[in-house]
Amino acid sequence: MGDFVEFVLGPANKKQFDEINTQTLVFYVKGEQIASIALSEEPGDQRQYNVVLGDDQCSINEYDECVSTAVIPNILSKNKYQRYWISWYGHVIKFGQNKDGKPILAKEIDKECHLNCITFFHWEGLNEKDQLHWKCLLPQDIPSIQLKQFEEGNAEWVKAEEQLPDNAVIGGFENEVLYIVRSKHRGSLTPGKFVPSEGIGYISWGGEAHPKAGENLEILCGYNFVWSKTYGNRIPSGAIEGGHSEVNHESLYVGRVEHEGCLIPGKVQPSHKVCYFSFDGREVPSREYEILLRP
């Protein structure tokens, strides 16, 4: 999935990662000094956007000007690692702590801005002996692949059995590989995620994540698909229908969302202009998402 990296930084050094292929970062930090994470378009630019932690507060800075701030007592500790996350997709930088996806800070950025460099460093002016300990998971660098058109392998929903079919579609990851399933629920036929280690599928409905298993599940199979970024109710031609809503049998499509370092499949409901997915026992909406297509 990626590389879990650990490093220790003092005021005199920094850690830089260029051309990263993610828009979400989960990280852990330990220490009492002021920590900073820079997001930039060009390597070495530590001033474009900064997320700063320390002195019982956090802030987002744009070219050294504070544009969003919040008070968080004990935001850093020298005795234990604190977990936080940053995302910068949808032209918004968000900073948060909890797994519910709700940000502590958010700042809109220029739509022409493409942030693909991360730099970890100390705030200037600290004692040389001061150190910060970092842990973070960075994705692997996956090269572009030329897609080939297949005549076979189109979408097929197969009843779940004891083992996954050989051509089950991988939909994402959340500590492990996730697959795409659908199940009937309260008059709807709803797409969602399948967690192999649990042998259970989860669909989002009515604000909650509902577990489904056995004959109640159908698994999406095939290999003639691509994922395409979209938002709201913009449904591209060739989108894979995954089921229907309980009201008026509105078509639901197969989508997925990058969330807290995970990639989670769910349902796209055009009338709601979002993709819903199951996370931490809840139904979570996202206006920006990827949708599954026939190429």
C-alpha atoms as a PDB file:
ATOM      1  CA  MET A   1       0.000   0.000   0.000  1.00  0.00           C
ATOM      2  CA  GLY A   2       2.809   2.384   0.799  1.00  0.00           C
ATOM      3  CA  ASP A   3       5.837   3.152   2.908  1.00  0.00           C
ATOM      4  CA  PHE A   4       5.543   3.751   6.650  1.00  0.00           C
ATOM      5  CA  VAL A   5       8.344   6.167   7.469  1.00  0.00           C
ATOM      6  CA  GLU A   6       9.723   7.342  10.816  1.00  0.00           C
ATOM      7  CA  PHE A   7      12.172  10.191  11.280  1.00  0.00           C
ATOM      8  CA  VAL A   8      13.476  12.629  13.883  1.00  0.00           C
ATOM      9  CA  LEU A   9      13.977  16.302  13.076  1.00  0.00           C
ATOM     10  CA  GLY A  10      15.678  19.171  14.841  1.00  0.00           C
ATOM     11  CA  PRO A  11      15.607  22.892  13.981  1.00  0.00           C
ATOM     12  CA  ALA A  12      18.577  22.512  11.636  1.00  0.00           C
ATOM     13  CA  ASN A  13      17.083  19.893   9.292  1.00  0.00           C
ATOM     14  CA  LYS A  14      13.919  18.955   7.446  1.00  0.00           C
ATOM     15  CA  LYS A  15      12.334  16.011   5.637  1.00  0.00           C
ATOM     16  CA  GLN A  16      10.977  16.548   2.142  1.00  0.00           C
ATOM     17  CA  PHE A  17       8.891  14.361  -0.163  1.00  0.00           C
ATOM     18  CA  ASP A  18       8.361  15.445  -3.778  1.00  0.00           C
ATOM     19  CA  GLU A  19       5.783  14.426  -6.373  1.00  0.00           C
ATOM     20  CA  ILE A  20       3.594  12.462  -3.958  1.00  0.00           C
ATOM     21  CA  ASN A  21       0.524  10.744  -5.409  1.00  0.00           C
ATOM     22  CA  THR A  22      -1.945  11.334  -2.597  1.00  0.00           C
ATOM     23  CA  GLN A  23      -4.120  14.162  -1.292  1.00  0.00           C
ATOM     24  CA  THR A  24      -4.496  12.858   2.260  1.00  0.00           C
ATOM     25  CA  LEU A  25      -1.883  12.286   4.950  1.00  0.00           C
ATOM     26  CA  VAL A  26      -2.250  10.628   8.358  1.00  0.00           C
ATOM     27  CA  PHE A  27       0.718  11.357  10.621  1.00  0.00           C
ATOM     28  CA  TYR A  28       1.879  10.965  14.229  1.00  0.00           C
ATOM     29  CA  VAL A  29       4.127  13.440  16.006  1.00  0.00           C
ATOM     30  CA  LYS A  30       5.814  13.468  19.434  1.00  0.00           C
ATOM     31  CA  GLY A  31       7.618  16.395  21.034  1.00  0.00           C
ATOM     32  CA  GLU A  32       7.011  19.698  22.797  1.00  0.00           C
ATOM     33  CA  GLN A  33       8.274  22.071  20.124  1.00  0.00           C
ATOM     34  CA  ILE A  34       6.410  23.781  17.285  1.00  0.00           C
ATOM     35  CA  ALA A  35       5.892  21.426  14.343  1.00  0.00           C
ATOM     36  CA  SER A  36       5.130  22.429  10.782  1.00  0.00           C
ATOM     37  CA  ILE A  37       4.084  20.646   7.611  1.00  0.00           C
ATOM     38  CA  ALA A  38       4.430  22.585   4.355  1.00  0.00           C
ATOM     39  CA  LEU A  39       2.334  21.819   1.263  1.00  0.00           C
ATOM     40  CA  SER A  40       3.620  23.291  -1.974  1.00  0.00           C
ATOM     41  CA  GLU A  41       3.658  23.004  -5.747  1.00  0.00           C
ATOM     42  CA  GLU A  42       7.435  23.327  -6.011  1.00  0.00           C
ATOM     43  CA  PRO A  43      10.067  21.413  -3.969  1.00  0.00           C
ATOM     44  CA  GLY A  44      11.612  23.461  -1.180  1.00  0.00           C
ATOM     45  CA  ASP A  45       8.838  26.063  -0.954  1.00  0.00           C
ATOM     46  CA  GLN A  46       8.044  26.065   2.768  1.00  0.00           C
ATOM     47  CA  ARG A  47       5.948  29.228   2.655  1.00  0.00           C
ATOM     48  CA  GLN A  48       3.097  28.416   0.267  1.00  0.00           C
ATOM     49  CA  TYR A  49       0.860  26.633   2.781  1.00  0.00           C
ATOM     50  CA  ASN A  50       1.831  25.582   6.311  1.00  0.00           C
ATOM     51  CA  VAL A  51      -0.047  23.569   8.928  1.00  0.00           C
ATOM     52  CA  VAL A  52       1.529  24.583  12.247  1.00  0.00           C
ATOM     53  CA  LEU A  53       1.105  22.769  15.590  1.00  0.00           C
ATOM     54  CA  GLY A  54       2.333  24.013  18.966  1.00  0.00           C
ATOM     55  CA  ASP A  55       1.754  26.379  21.903  1.00  0.00           C
ATOM     56  CA  ASP A  56      -1.687  24.808  22.520  1.00  0.00           C
ATOM     57  CA  GLN A  57      -2.988  25.824  19.103  1.00  0.00           C
ATOM     58  CA  CYS A  58      -2.930  24.930  15.428  1.00  0.00           C
ATOM     59  CA  SER A  59      -3.091  27.100  12.339  1.00  0.00           C
ATOM     60  CA  ILE A  60      -3.023  27.114   8.560  1.00  0.00           C
ATOM     61  CA  ASN A  61      -0.679  29.751   7.141  1.00  0.00           C
ATOM     62  CA  GLU A  62      -0.569  31.027   3.568  1.00  0.00           C
ATOM     63  CA  TYR A  63       2.779  32.659   2.731  1.00  0.00           C
ATOM     64  CA  ASP A  64       3.474  33.228   6.456  1.00  0.00           C
ATOM     65  CA  GLU A  65       0.046  34.804   7.049  1.00  0.00           C
ATOM     66  CA  CYS A  66      -2.277  32.961   9.437  1.00  0.00           C
ATOM     67  CA  VAL A  67      -5.582  32.316   7.634  1.00  0.00           C
ATOM     68  CA  SER A  68      -7.216  29.806  10.004  1.00  0.00           C
ATOM     69  CA  THR A  69      -6.521  28.959  13.632  1.00  0.00           C
ATOM     70  CA  ALA A  70      -7.940  27.013  16.594  1.00  0.00           C
ATOM     71  CA  VAL A  71      -6.996  26.438  20.244  1.00  0.00           C
ATOM     72  CA  ILE A  72      -6.188  22.827  21.191  1.00  0.00           C
ATOM     73  CA  PRO A  73      -4.715  22.286  24.676  1.00  0.00           C
ATOM     74  CA  ASN A  74      -1.840  19.789  24.757  1.00  0.00           C
ATOM     75  CA  ILE A  75      -1.737  19.559  20.983  1.00  0.00           C
ATOM     76  CA  LEU A  76       1.785  18.093  21.277  1.00  0.00           C
ATOM     77  CA  SER A  77       3.306  15.813  23.909  1.00  0.00           C
ATOM     78  CA  LYS A  78       6.915  14.795  24.548  1.00  0.00           C
ATOM     79  CA  ASN A  79       5.801  11.453  26.041  1.00  0.00           C
ATOM     80  CA  LYS A  80       3.451  10.029  23.426  1.00  0.00           C
ATOM     81  CA  TYR A  81       2.618  10.284  19.753  1.00  0.00           C
ATOM     82  CA  GLN A  82      -0.442  12.338  18.812  1.00  0.00           C
ATOM     83  CA  ARG A  83      -2.390  11.364  15.690  1.00  0.00           C
ATOM     84  CA  TYR A  84      -3.556  13.956  13.128  1.00  0.00           C
ATOM     85  CA  TRP A  85      -4.509  14.096   9.462  1.00  0.00           C
ATOM     86  CA  ILE A  86      -4.341  16.583   6.604  1.00  0.00           C
ATOM     87  CA  SER A  87      -6.208  16.520   3.292  1.00  0.00           C
ATOM     88  CA  TRP A  88      -5.989  18.887   0.339  1.00  0.00           C
ATOM     89  CA  TYR A  89      -8.403  17.597  -2.282  1.00  0.00           C
ATOM     90  CA  GLY A  90     -11.390  19.508  -3.652  1.00  0.00           C
ATOM     91  CA  HIS A  91      -9.406  22.790  -3.494  1.00  0.00           C
ATOM     92  CA  VAL A  92      -9.636  22.845   0.322  1.00  0.00           C
ATOM     93  CA  ILE A  93      -6.887  22.180   2.882  1.00  0.00           C
ATOM     94  CA  LYS A  94      -8.303  20.491   5.978  1.00  0.00           C
ATOM     95  CA  PHE A  95      -6.625  19.573   9.252  1.00  0.00           C
ATOM     96  CA  GLY A  96      -8.190  17.236  11.800  1.00  0.00           C
ATOM     97  CA  GLN A  97      -7.649  14.731  14.575  1.00  0.00           C
ATOM     98  CA  ASN A  98     -10.668  12.462  14.976  1.00  0.00           C
ATOM     99  CA  LYS A  99     -11.639   9.576  12.698  1.00  0.00           C
ATOM    100  CA  ASP A 100     -15.077  11.066  11.994  1.00  0.00           C
ATOM    101  CA  GLY A 101     -13.574  13.144   9.178  1.00  0.00           C
ATOM    102  CA  LYS A 102     -14.656  16.471  10.691  1.00  0.00           C
ATOM    103  CA  PRO A 103     -11.843  19.025  10.319  1.00  0.00           C
ATOM    104  CA  ILE A 104     -10.571  21.326  13.033  1.00  0.00           C
ATOM    105  CA  LEU A 105      -9.335  23.799  10.404  1.00  0.00           C
ATOM    106  CA  ALA A 106     -10.183  24.342   6.736  1.00  0.00           C
ATOM    107  CA  LYS A 107      -8.957  26.789   4.108  1.00  0.00           C
ATOM    108  CA  GLU A 108     -10.010  27.101   0.469  1.00  0.00           C
ATOM    109  CA  ILE A 109      -7.153  27.334  -2.018  1.00  0.00           C
ATOM    110  CA  ASP A 110      -6.801  28.437  -5.625  1.00  0.00           C
ATOM    111  CA  LYS A 111      -8.351  25.949  -8.068  1.00  0.00           C
ATOM    112  CA  GLU A 112      -5.234  26.240 -10.224  1.00  0.00           C
ATOM    113  CA  CYS A 113      -3.013  25.190  -7.315  1.00  0.00           C
ATOM    114  CA  HIS A 114      -1.706  21.600  -7.453  1.00  0.00           C
ATOM    115  CA  LEU A 115      -0.008  20.679  -4.184  1.00  0.00           C
ATOM    116  CA  ASN A 116       2.248  17.650  -4.630  1.00  0.00           C
ATOM    117  CA  CYS A 117       5.207  18.315  -2.312  1.00  0.00           C
ATOM    118  CA  ILE A 118       5.318  17.843   1.487  1.00  0.00           C
ATOM    119  CA  THR A 119       8.025  19.139   3.829  1.00  0.00           C
ATOM    120  CA  PHE A 120       8.218  18.368   7.570  1.00  0.00           C
ATOM    121  CA  PHE A 121      10.269  20.753   9.676  1.00  0.00           C
ATOM    122  CA  HIS A 122      10.677  22.659  12.947  1.00  0.00           C
ATOM    123  CA  TRP A 123       9.596  26.240  13.412  1.00  0.00           C
ATOM    124  CA  GLU A 124      12.590  28.560  13.264  1.00  0.00           C
ATOM    125  CA  GLY A 125      14.381  29.879  16.350  1.00  0.00           C
ATOM    126  CA  LEU A 126      14.341  26.754  18.489  1.00  0.00           C
ATOM    127  CA  ASN A 127      17.191  25.290  20.510  1.00  0.00           C
ATOM    128  CA  GLU A 128      19.354  22.886  18.494  1.00  0.00           C
ATOM    129  CA  LYS A 129      18.690  20.123  21.038  1.00  0.00           C
ATOM    130  CA  ASP A 130      14.927  20.300  20.515  1.00  0.00           C
ATOM    131  CA  GLN A 131      13.604  17.395  18.461  1.00  0.00           C
ATOM    132  CA  LEU A 132      10.347  16.177  17.020  1.00  0.00           C
ATOM    133  CA  HIS A 133       9.606  12.519  16.271  1.00  0.00           C
ATOM    134  CA  TRP A 134       7.410  11.819  13.224  1.00  0.00           C
ATOM    135  CA  LYS A 135       5.600   8.805  11.780  1.00  0.00           C
ATOM    136  CA  CYS A 136       3.566   8.842   8.568  1.00  0.00           C
ATOM    137  CA  LEU A 137       2.323   6.564   5.807  1.00  0.00           C
ATOM    138  CA  LEU A 138       3.194   7.648   2.281  1.00  0.00           C
ATOM    139  CA  PRO A 139       1.768   5.886  -0.804  1.00  0.00           C
ATOM    140  CA  GLN A 140       3.932   4.064  -3.282  1.00  0.00           C
ATOM    141  CA  ASP A 141       4.826   5.808  -6.521  1.00  0.00           C
ATOM    142  CA  ILE A 142       2.655   3.978  -9.060  1.00  0.00           C
ATOM    143  CA  PRO A 143       3.626   4.569 -12.705  1.00  0.00           C
ATOM    144  CA  SER A 144       1.017   5.426 -15.307  1.00  0.00           C
ATOM    145  CA  ILE A 145      -0.269   2.376 -17.169  1.00  0.00           C
ATOM    146  CA  GLN A 146      -1.637   2.338 -20.704  1.00  0.00           C
ATOM    147  CA  LEU A 147      -5.192   1.001 -20.516  1.00  0.00           C
ATOM    148  CA  LYS A 148      -6.197  -1.792 -22.872  1.00  0.00           C
ATOM    149  CA  GLN A 149      -9.761  -2.263 -24.061  1.00  0.00           C
ATOM    150  CA  PHE A 150     -11.196  -5.709 -23.318  1.00  0.00           C
ATOM    151  CA  GLU A 151     -14.130  -7.236 -25.131  1.00  0.00           C
ATOM    152  CA  GLU A 152     -15.047  -9.320 -22.080  1.00  0.00           C
ATOM    153  CA  GLY A 153     -15.069  -8.676 -18.354  1.00  0.00           C
ATOM    154  CA  ASN A 154     -18.056  -6.340 -18.176  1.00  0.00           C
ATOM    155  CA  ALA A 155     -19.910  -5.730 -14.911  1.00  0.00           C
ATOM    156  CA  GLU A 156     -21.613  -8.748 -13.347  1.00  0.00           C
ATOM    157  CA  TRP A 157     -23.132  -9.005  -9.877  1.00  0.00           C
ATOM    158  CA  VAL A 158     -22.549 -12.461  -8.371  1.00  0.00           C
ATOM    159  CA  LYS A 159     -24.137 -13.950  -5.250  1.00  0.00           C
ATOM    160  CA  ALA A 160     -21.658 -14.120  -2.390  1.00  0.00           C
ATOM    161  CA  GLU A 161     -20.318 -17.551  -1.411  1.00  0.00           C
ATOM    162  CA  GLU A 162     -17.695 -18.755   1.052  1.00  0.00           C
ATOM    163  CA  GLN A 163     -14.866 -17.437  -1.134  1.00  0.00           C
ATOM    164  CA  LEU A 164     -14.544 -14.317  -3.244  1.00  0.00           C
ATOM    165  CA  PRO A 165     -14.823 -14.903  -7.007  1.00  0.00           C
ATOM    166  CA  ASP A 166     -11.522 -14.736  -8.881  1.00  0.00           C
ATOM    167  CA  ASN A 167     -12.613 -11.653 -10.825  1.00  0.00           C
ATOM    168  CA  ALA A 168     -14.120  -9.724  -7.880  1.00  0.00           C
ATOM    169  CA  VAL A 169     -13.498  -6.004  -8.384  1.00  0.00           C
ATOM    170  CA  ILE A 170     -11.110  -4.368  -5.906  1.00  0.00           C
ATOM    171  CA  GLY A 171     -12.689  -1.107  -4.831  1.00  0.00           C
ATOM    172  CA  GLY A 172     -10.164   0.391  -2.409  1.00  0.00           C
ATOM    173  CA  PHE A 173      -8.401  -0.174   0.905  1.00  0.00           C
ATOM    174  CA  GLU A 174      -8.941   0.443   4.613  1.00  0.00           C
ATOM    175  CA  ASN A 175      -6.180  -1.397   6.479  1.00  0.00           C
ATOM    176  CA  GLU A 176      -6.783  -4.144   3.894  1.00  0.00           C
ATOM    177  CA  VAL A 177      -8.105  -4.498   0.349  1.00  0.00           C
ATOM    178  CA  LEU A 178     -11.826  -3.717  -0.010  1.00  0.00           C
ATOM    179  CA  TYR A 179     -14.214  -5.107  -2.620  1.00  0.00           C
ATOM    180  CA  ILE A 180     -17.473  -3.776  -4.069  1.00  0.00           C
ATOM    181  CA  VAL A 181     -20.766  -5.333  -2.991  1.00  0.00           C
ATOM    182  CA  ARG A 182     -24.442  -4.484  -2.907  1.00  0.00           C
ATOM    183  CA  SER A 183     -27.348  -5.573  -0.746  1.00  0.00           C
ATOM    184  CA  LYS A 184     -31.072  -4.998  -0.316  1.00  0.00           C
ATOM    185  CA  HIS A 185     -32.038  -2.708   2.557  1.00  0.00           C
ATOM    186  CA  ARG A 186     -35.385  -1.096   3.429  1.00  0.00           C
ATOM    187  CA  GLY A 187     -36.622  -1.233  -0.163  1.00  0.00           C
ATOM    188  CA  SER A 188     -33.315  -0.130  -1.687  1.00  0.00           C
ATOM    189  CA  LEU A 189     -30.544  -2.042  -3.454  1.00  0.00           C
ATOM    190  CA  THR A 190     -27.430  -0.280  -2.192  1.00  0.00           C
ATOM    191  CA  PRO A 191     -23.740  -0.579  -3.183  1.00  0.00           C
ATOM    192  CA  GLY A 192     -21.074  -0.616  -0.478  1.00  0.00           C
ATOM    193  CA  LYS A 193     -17.794  -2.158   0.674  1.00  0.00           C
ATOM    194  CA  PHE A 194     -16.783  -5.706   1.572  1.00  0.00           C
ATOM    195  CA  VAL A 195     -14.171  -6.331   4.303  1.00  0.00           C
ATOM    196  CA  PRO A 196     -12.568  -9.754   3.675  1.00  0.00           C
ATOM    197  CA  SER A 197     -11.084 -10.220   7.168  1.00  0.00           C
ATOM    198  CA  GLU A 198     -14.583  -9.881   8.660  1.00  0.00           C
ATOM    199  CA  GLY A 199     -16.479 -11.640   5.875  1.00  0.00           C
ATOM    200  CA  ILE A 200     -18.992  -8.792   6.075  1.00  0.00           C
ATOM    201  CA  GLY A 201     -20.180  -6.088   3.715  1.00  0.00           C
ATOM    202  CA  TYR A 202     -21.212  -2.628   4.859  1.00  0.00           C
ATOM    203  CA  ILE A 203     -23.689  -0.341   3.146  1.00  0.00           C
ATOM    204  CA  SER A 204     -24.494   3.230   4.135  1.00  0.00           C
ATOM    205  CA  TRP A 205     -28.138   4.146   4.680  1.00  0.00           C
ATOM    206  CA  GLY A 206     -29.931   6.620   6.927  1.00  0.00           C
ATOM    207  CA  GLY A 207     -26.762   8.002   8.520  1.00  0.00           C
ATOM    208  CA  GLU A 208     -25.435   4.614   9.630  1.00  0.00           C
ATOM    209  CA  ALA A 209     -23.274   1.767   8.335  1.00  0.00           C
ATOM    210  CA  HIS A 210     -25.302  -1.452   8.091  1.00  0.00           C
ATOM    211  CA  PRO A 211     -23.515  -4.850   8.104  1.00  0.00           C
ATOM    212  CA  LYS A 212     -24.604  -7.457   5.538  1.00  0.00           C
ATOM    213  CA  ALA A 213     -23.457 -11.039   5.067  1.00  0.00           C
ATOM    214  CA  GLY A 214     -24.144 -14.329   3.305  1.00  0.00           C
ATOM    215  CA  GLU A 215     -26.916 -14.556   0.725  1.00  0.00           C
ATOM    216  CA  ASN A 216     -27.813 -10.902   1.306  1.00  0.00           C
ATOM    217  CA  LEU A 217     -24.682  -9.859  -0.595  1.00  0.00           C
ATOM    218  CA  GLU A 218     -23.830  -9.609  -4.280  1.00  0.00           C
ATOM    219  CA  ILE A 219     -20.216  -8.982  -5.334  1.00  0.00           C
ATOM    220  CA  LEU A 220     -19.249  -6.948  -8.381  1.00  0.00           C
ATOM    221  CA  CYS A 221     -17.104  -8.977 -10.790  1.00  0.00           C
ATOM    222  CA  GLY A 222     -15.318  -8.136 -14.029  1.00  0.00           C
ATOM    223  CA  TYR A 223     -12.229  -6.238 -15.148  1.00  0.00           C
ATOM    224  CA  ASN A 224     -13.309  -3.886 -17.920  1.00  0.00           C
ATOM    225  CA  PHE A 225     -13.564  -0.746 -15.740  1.00  0.00           C
ATOM    226  CA  VAL A 226     -11.919   2.605 -15.027  1.00  0.00           C
ATOM    227  CA  TRP A 227     -12.347   5.123 -12.197  1.00  0.00           C
ATOM    228  CA  SER A 228     -13.027   8.765 -13.048  1.00  0.00           C
ATOM    229  CA  LYS A 229     -13.043  11.802 -10.744  1.00  0.00           C
ATOM    230  CA  THR A 230     -16.269  13.803 -10.607  1.00  0.00           C
ATOM    231  CA  TYR A 231     -18.474  15.656  -8.108  1.00  0.00           C
ATOM    232  CA  GLY A 232     -22.069  16.432  -7.164  1.00  0.00           C
ATOM    233  CA  ASN A 233     -24.600  15.031  -9.621  1.00  0.00           C
ATOM    234  CA  ARG A 234     -22.240  14.993 -12.622  1.00  0.00           C
ATOM    235  CA  ILE A 235     -22.633  11.362 -13.702  1.00  0.00           C
ATOM    236  CA  PRO A 236     -20.420  10.506 -16.713  1.00  0.00           C
ATOM    237  CA  SER A 237     -21.591   8.319 -19.572  1.00  0.00           C
ATOM    238  CA  GLY A 238     -20.895   4.641 -18.904  1.00  0.00           C
ATOM    239  CA  ALA A 239     -21.205   4.880 -15.101  1.00  0.00           C
ATOM    240  CA  ILE A 240     -21.819   1.473 -13.488  1.00  0.00           C
ATOM    241  CA  GLU A 241     -25.259   1.229 -11.886  1.00  0.00           C
ATOM    242  CA  GLY A 242     -25.053  -0.497  -8.541  1.00  0.00           C
ATOM    243  CA  GLY A 243     -28.685  -0.503  -7.517  1.00  0.00           C
ATOM    244  CA  HIS A 244     -31.549   1.830  -6.697  1.00  0.00           C
ATOM    245  CA  SER A 245     -32.941   3.945  -3.865  1.00  0.00           C
ATOM    246  CA  GLU A 246     -36.043   3.088  -1.866  1.00  0.00           C
ATOM    247  CA  VAL A 247     -37.839   6.184  -3.205  1.00  0.00           C
ATOM    248  CA  ASN A 248     -38.842   6.174  -6.891  1.00  0.00           C
ATOM    249  CA  HIS A 249     -36.107   3.590  -7.555  1.00  0.00           C
ATOM    250  CA  GLU A 250     -33.560   6.284  -8.373  1.00  0.00           C
ATOM    251  CA  SER A 251     -30.421   4.750  -9.924  1.00  0.00           C
ATOM    252  CA  LEU A 252     -27.460   4.464  -7.544  1.00  0.00           C
ATOM    253  CA  TYR A 253     -23.940   4.250  -8.947  1.00  0.00           C
ATOM    254  CA  VAL A 254     -20.686   2.755  -7.683  1.00  0.00           C
ATOM    255  CA  GLY A 255     -18.322   5.398  -6.303  1.00  0.00           C
ATOM    256  CA  ARG A 256     -15.405   5.669  -3.904  1.00  0.00           C
ATOM    257  CA  VAL A 257     -13.875   8.382  -1.718  1.00  0.00           C
ATOM    258  CA  GLU A 258     -10.366   9.025  -0.380  1.00  0.00           C
ATOM    259  CA  HIS A 259     -10.799   9.583   3.359  1.00  0.00           C
ATOM    260  CA  GLU A 260      -8.150   9.724   6.112  1.00  0.00           C
ATOM    261  CA  GLY A 261      -5.628   7.791   4.050  1.00  0.00           C
ATOM    262  CA  CYS A 262      -8.198   5.159   3.020  1.00  0.00           C
ATOM    263  CA  LEU A 263     -10.022   4.614  -0.284  1.00  0.00           C
ATOM    264  CA  ILE A 264     -13.572   3.471   0.448  1.00  0.00           C
ATOM    265  CA  PRO A 265     -16.256   2.332  -2.042  1.00  0.00           C
ATOM    266  CA  GLY A 266     -19.851   3.415  -1.585  1.00  0.00           C
ATOM    267  CA  LYS A 267     -22.980   4.634  -3.377  1.00  0.00           C
ATOM    268  CA  VAL A 268     -23.440   7.707  -5.553  1.00  0.00           C
ATOM    269  CA  GLN A 269     -26.944   9.185  -5.262  1.00  0.00           C
ATOM    270  CA  PRO A 270     -27.353  11.888  -7.949  1.00  0.00           C
ATOM    271  CA  SER A 271     -30.330  13.624  -6.316  1.00  0.00           C
ATOM    272  CA  HIS A 272     -28.264  14.130  -3.141  1.00  0.00           C
ATOM    273  CA  LYS A 273     -25.198  15.261  -5.145  1.00  0.00           C
ATOM    274  CA  VAL A 274     -22.805  13.144  -3.034  1.00  0.00           C
ATOM    275  CA  CYS A 275     -21.160   9.757  -2.698  1.00  0.00           C
ATOM    276  CA  TYR A 276     -22.074   8.067   0.588  1.00  0.00           C
ATOM    277  CA  PHE A 277     -19.671   5.562   2.165  1.00  0.00           C
ATOM    278  CA  SER A 278     -19.417   3.592   5.417  1.00  0.00           C
ATOM    279  CA  PHE A 279     -16.685   4.593   7.849  1.00  0.00           C
ATOM    280  CA  ASP A 280     -16.314   3.949  11.576  1.00  0.00           C
ATOM    281  CA  GLY A 281     -19.933   2.795  11.879  1.00  0.00           C
ATOM    282  CA  ARG A 282     -21.388   5.878  10.200  1.00  0.00           C
ATOM    283  CA  GLU A 283     -22.637   6.983   6.800  1.00  0.00           C
ATOM    284  CA  VAL A 284     -20.338   9.739   5.511  1.00  0.00           C
ATOM    285  CA  PRO A 285     -21.129  11.940   2.465  1.00  0.00           C
ATOM    286  CA  SER A 286     -18.588  13.464   0.099  1.00  0.00           C
ATOM    287  CA  ARG A 287     -19.326  15.893  -2.727  1.00  0.00           C
ATOM    288  CA  GLU A 288     -16.063  14.957  -4.483  1.00  0.00           C
ATOM    289  CA  TYR A 289     -15.516  11.313  -5.411  1.00  0.00           C
ATOM    290  CA  GLU A 290     -14.501   8.805  -8.079  1.00  0.00           C
ATOM    291  CA  ILE A 291     -17.107   6.916 -10.075  1.00  0.00           C
ATOM    292  CA  LEU A 292     -16.734   3.509 -11.739  1.00  0.00           C
ATOM    293  CA  LEU A 293     -17.108   3.498 -15.540  1.00  0.00           C
ATOM    294  CA  ARG A 294     -16.978   1.248 -18.527  1.00  0.00           C
ATOM    295  CA  PRO A 295     -14.075   2.692 -20.564  1.00  0.00           C
END
